[in-house]
C-alpha atoms as a PDB file:
ATOM      1  CA  MET A   1       0.000   0.000   0.000  1.00  0.00           C
ATOM      2  CA  LEU A   2       2.695   2.500   0.965  1.00  0.00           C
ATOM      3  CA  GLU A   3       4.856   1.408  -1.949  1.00  0.00           C
ATOM      4  CA  GLU A   4       2.071   2.319  -4.355  1.00  0.00           C
ATOM      5  CA  SER A   5       1.389   5.744  -2.878  1.00  0.00           C
ATOM      6  CA  ASP A   6       4.865   7.267  -2.522  1.00  0.00           C
ATOM      7  CA  SER A   7       8.222   5.564  -2.888  1.00  0.00           C
ATOM      8  CA  ASP A   8       9.968   8.523  -1.214  1.00  0.00           C
ATOM      9  CA  LEU A   9       8.197   7.676   2.034  1.00  0.00           C
ATOM     10  CA  ILE A  10       9.697   4.204   2.010  1.00  0.00           C
ATOM     11  CA  ARG A  11      13.197   5.621   1.780  1.00  0.00           C
ATOM     12  CA  PHE A  12      12.293   8.117   4.512  1.00  0.00           C
ATOM     13  CA  PHE A  13      11.202   5.358   6.905  1.00  0.00           C
ATOM     14  CA  ASP A  14      14.314   3.321   6.093  1.00  0.00           C
ATOM     15  CA  GLU A  15      16.568   6.287   6.812  1.00  0.00           C
ATOM     16  CA  ILE A  16      14.809   7.095  10.096  1.00  0.00           C
ATOM     17  CA  TYR A  17      15.147   3.452  11.115  1.00  0.00           C
ATOM     18  CA  LYS A  18      18.883   3.457  10.335  1.00  0.00           C
ATOM     19  CA  ILE A  19      19.423   6.690  12.258  1.00  0.00           C
ATOM     20  CA  ILE A  20      17.549   5.649  15.402  1.00  0.00           C
ATOM     21  CA  ILE A  21      18.458   1.956  15.656  1.00  0.00           C
ATOM     22  CA  PRO A  22      22.157   0.990  15.591  1.00  0.00           C
ATOM     23  CA  LEU A  23      23.080  -2.042  13.509  1.00  0.00           C
ATOM     24  CA  ASN A  24      25.199  -3.474  16.312  1.00  0.00           C
ATOM     25  CA  TRP A  25      22.136  -4.093  18.499  1.00  0.00           C
ATOM     26  CA  ALA A  26      20.875  -7.648  18.887  1.00  0.00           C
ATOM     27  CA  SER A  27      18.232  -8.530  16.308  1.00  0.00           C
ATOM     28  CA  ILE A  28      15.504  -8.947  18.935  1.00  0.00           C
ATOM     29  CA  LEU A  29      16.231  -5.442  20.243  1.00  0.00           C
ATOM     30  CA  GLN A  30      16.152  -4.091  16.689  1.00  0.00           C
ATOM     31  CA  GLU A  31      12.718  -5.623  16.076  1.00  0.00           C
ATOM     32  CA  ASP A  32      11.362  -4.185  19.324  1.00  0.00           C
ATOM     33  CA  ALA A  33      12.821  -0.771  18.560  1.00  0.00           C
ATOM     34  CA  LYS A  34      11.424  -0.893  15.019  1.00  0.00           C
ATOM     35  CA  LYS A  35       7.895  -1.208  16.427  1.00  0.00           C
ATOM     36  CA  LYS A  36       8.501   1.764  18.706  1.00  0.00           C
ATOM     37  CA  VAL A  37       9.790   3.843  15.796  1.00  0.00           C
ATOM     38  CA  VAL A  38       6.617   3.077  13.835  1.00  0.00           C
ATOM     39  CA  VAL A  39       4.465   4.205  16.775  1.00  0.00           C
ATOM     40  CA  ILE A  40       6.462   7.415  17.153  1.00  0.00           C
ATOM     41  CA  LEU A  41       6.177   8.188  13.437  1.00  0.00           C
ATOM     42  CA  TYR A  42       2.411   7.591  13.523  1.00  0.00           C
ATOM     43  CA  LEU A  43       2.133   9.984  16.468  1.00  0.00           C
ATOM     44  CA  ILE A  44       4.167  12.620  14.647  1.00  0.00           C
ATOM     45  CA  ALA A  45       2.070  12.188  11.512  1.00  0.00           C
ATOM     46  CA  SER A  46      -1.133  12.719  13.474  1.00  0.00           C
ATOM     47  CA  LEU A  47      -0.050  16.178  14.677  1.00  0.00           C
END
């Protein structure tokens, strides 16, 4: 759905994810943090 609407948003989310979550974290911590990033971005978008 997002891919169809705006490909720039996908790159935006990927970049935000890379900035906030270090690659040297354990994969389980990365997955948990990814969910938190999504929630934060939804909250920002609702403003």
